[in-house]
Amino acid sequence: MLELRPNCECCGTDLGPAAEDAWICSFECTFCGRCQREVLGGRCPNCSGVLQRRPTRSQQLLAKHPPSALRVVKSAGCKSGSS
């Protein structure tokens, strides 16, 4: 089950569970579309994995399986290839 993390790790932008411009790697590191395109070039700065659009979850299933509330933000922002 995906965690559906609540924000972009680079800039802190809110990414609710219905956000259509949320991107994740296979470890569920989460980024907004702007950071994915303009900063990261489609690669996760943590694992170098390819970023894919994060799927959304129906309202019915959100009640049963709520999104994560844990916010992760890199204090220095992100750079492509950073760890």
C-alpha atoms as a PDB file:
ATOM      1  CA  MET A   1       0.000   0.000   0.000  1.00  0.00           C
ATOM      2  CA  LEU A   2       1.463   3.353  -1.010  1.00  0.00           C
ATOM      3  CA  GLU A   3       2.016   5.821   1.825  1.00  0.00           C
ATOM      4  CA  LEU A   4       0.777   8.795  -0.229  1.00  0.00           C
ATOM      5  CA  ARG A   5       3.203  11.192   1.420  1.00  0.00           C
ATOM      6  CA  PRO A   6       1.818  14.709   1.900  1.00  0.00           C
ATOM      7  CA  ASN A   7       4.469  16.930   0.303  1.00  0.00           C
ATOM      8  CA  CYS A   8       7.403  17.395  -2.066  1.00  0.00           C
ATOM      9  CA  GLU A   9      10.716  16.479  -0.430  1.00  0.00           C
ATOM     10  CA  CYS A  10      12.502  19.273  -2.317  1.00  0.00           C
ATOM     11  CA  CYS A  11      10.333  22.350  -1.866  1.00  0.00           C
ATOM     12  CA  GLY A  12       7.690  21.310   0.662  1.00  0.00           C
ATOM     13  CA  THR A  13       4.725  21.900  -1.676  1.00  0.00           C
ATOM     14  CA  ASP A  14       1.586  20.173  -0.404  1.00  0.00           C
ATOM     15  CA  LEU A  15       0.636  17.088  -2.415  1.00  0.00           C
ATOM     16  CA  GLY A  16      -2.699  15.779  -1.208  1.00  0.00           C
ATOM     17  CA  PRO A  17      -3.778  12.225  -1.957  1.00  0.00           C
ATOM     18  CA  ALA A  18      -5.660  13.380  -5.070  1.00  0.00           C
ATOM     19  CA  ALA A  19      -2.730  15.422  -6.448  1.00  0.00           C
ATOM     20  CA  GLU A  20      -2.266  14.620 -10.116  1.00  0.00           C
ATOM     21  CA  ASP A  21       1.208  16.163 -10.261  1.00  0.00           C
ATOM     22  CA  ALA A  22       2.868  14.056  -7.555  1.00  0.00           C
ATOM     23  CA  TRP A  23       5.837  11.910  -8.588  1.00  0.00           C
ATOM     24  CA  ILE A  24       7.448   8.973  -6.747  1.00  0.00           C
ATOM     25  CA  CYS A  25      10.361   6.566  -7.059  1.00  0.00           C
ATOM     26  CA  SER A  26      10.206   2.875  -6.127  1.00  0.00           C
ATOM     27  CA  PHE A  27      10.986   3.825  -2.493  1.00  0.00           C
ATOM     28  CA  GLU A  28       8.062   6.301  -2.476  1.00  0.00           C
ATOM     29  CA  CYS A  29      10.242   9.401  -2.208  1.00  0.00           C
ATOM     30  CA  THR A  30       7.746  12.060  -3.289  1.00  0.00           C
ATOM     31  CA  PHE A  31       8.205  15.189  -5.411  1.00  0.00           C
ATOM     32  CA  CYS A  32       6.050  17.802  -7.122  1.00  0.00           C
ATOM     33  CA  GLY A  33       5.943  18.064 -10.894  1.00  0.00           C
ATOM     34  CA  ARG A  34       7.930  21.302 -10.990  1.00  0.00           C
ATOM     35  CA  CYS A  35      10.846  19.842  -9.006  1.00  0.00           C
ATOM     36  CA  GLN A  36      10.645  16.586 -10.973  1.00  0.00           C
ATOM     37  CA  ARG A  37      10.997  18.479 -14.277  1.00  0.00           C
ATOM     38  CA  GLU A  38      13.104  21.544 -13.459  1.00  0.00           C
ATOM     39  CA  VAL A  39      15.432  20.300 -10.711  1.00  0.00           C
ATOM     40  CA  LEU A  40      15.618  16.515 -10.763  1.00  0.00           C
ATOM     41  CA  GLY A  41      15.297  15.712 -14.457  1.00  0.00           C
ATOM     42  CA  GLY A  42      13.026  12.742 -13.731  1.00  0.00           C
ATOM     43  CA  ARG A  43      15.439  11.008 -11.313  1.00  0.00           C
ATOM     44  CA  CYS A  44      15.154  10.582  -7.552  1.00  0.00           C
ATOM     45  CA  PRO A  45      17.984  12.437  -5.781  1.00  0.00           C
ATOM     46  CA  ASN A  46      18.016   9.771  -3.050  1.00  0.00           C
ATOM     47  CA  CYS A  47      18.262   6.522  -5.058  1.00  0.00           C
ATOM     48  CA  SER A  48      18.702   7.704  -8.689  1.00  0.00           C
ATOM     49  CA  GLY A  49      15.536   5.787  -9.605  1.00  0.00           C
ATOM     50  CA  VAL A  50      13.155   6.949 -12.312  1.00  0.00           C
ATOM     51  CA  LEU A  51      10.286   9.103 -11.060  1.00  0.00           C
ATOM     52  CA  GLN A  52       6.772   8.052 -12.088  1.00  0.00           C
ATOM     53  CA  ARG A  53       3.402   9.717 -11.544  1.00  0.00           C
ATOM     54  CA  ARG A  54       1.964   8.709  -8.198  1.00  0.00           C
ATOM     55  CA  PRO A  55      -1.417   7.013  -8.529  1.00  0.00           C
ATOM     56  CA  THR A  56      -4.403   8.431  -6.681  1.00  0.00           C
ATOM     57  CA  ARG A  57      -6.664   6.538  -4.264  1.00  0.00           C
ATOM     58  CA  SER A  58     -10.464   6.644  -4.292  1.00  0.00           C
ATOM     59  CA  GLN A  59     -12.274   8.523  -1.509  1.00  0.00           C
ATOM     60  CA  GLN A  60     -13.803   5.255  -0.313  1.00  0.00           C
ATOM     61  CA  LEU A  61     -10.379   3.648   0.121  1.00  0.00           C
ATOM     62  CA  LEU A  62      -8.850   6.795   1.638  1.00  0.00           C
ATOM     63  CA  ALA A  63     -11.202   6.364   4.582  1.00  0.00           C
ATOM     64  CA  LYS A  64      -9.951   2.817   5.116  1.00  0.00           C
ATOM     65  CA  HIS A  65      -6.308   3.486   4.166  1.00  0.00           C
ATOM     66  CA  PRO A  66      -5.512   7.151   4.952  1.00  0.00           C
ATOM     67  CA  PRO A  67      -2.482   8.939   3.489  1.00  0.00           C
ATOM     68  CA  SER A  68       0.666   9.521   5.515  1.00  0.00           C
ATOM     69  CA  ALA A  69       0.900  12.681   7.620  1.00  0.00           C
ATOM     70  CA  LEU A  70       4.701  12.528   7.946  1.00  0.00           C
ATOM     71  CA  ARG A  71       6.313  15.466   6.118  1.00  0.00           C
ATOM     72  CA  VAL A  72       9.847  15.010   4.773  1.00  0.00           C
ATOM     73  CA  VAL A  73      11.632  18.076   3.371  1.00  0.00           C
ATOM     74  CA  LYS A  74      15.329  18.326   2.557  1.00  0.00           C
ATOM     75  CA  SER A  75      16.659  21.301   4.512  1.00  0.00           C
ATOM     76  CA  ALA A  76      18.939  22.327   1.636  1.00  0.00           C
ATOM     77  CA  GLY A  77      16.435  21.527  -1.118  1.00  0.00           C
ATOM     78  CA  CYS A  78      17.328  19.092  -3.889  1.00  0.00           C
ATOM     79  CA  LYS A  79      19.907  18.804  -6.576  1.00  0.00           C
ATOM     80  CA  SER A  80      19.947  16.142  -9.242  1.00  0.00           C
ATOM     81  CA  GLY A  81      22.103  13.240  -8.100  1.00  0.00           C
ATOM     82  CA  SER A  82      22.349  14.473  -4.484  1.00  0.00           C
ATOM     83  CA  SER A  83      22.107  12.003  -1.630  1.00  0.00           C
END
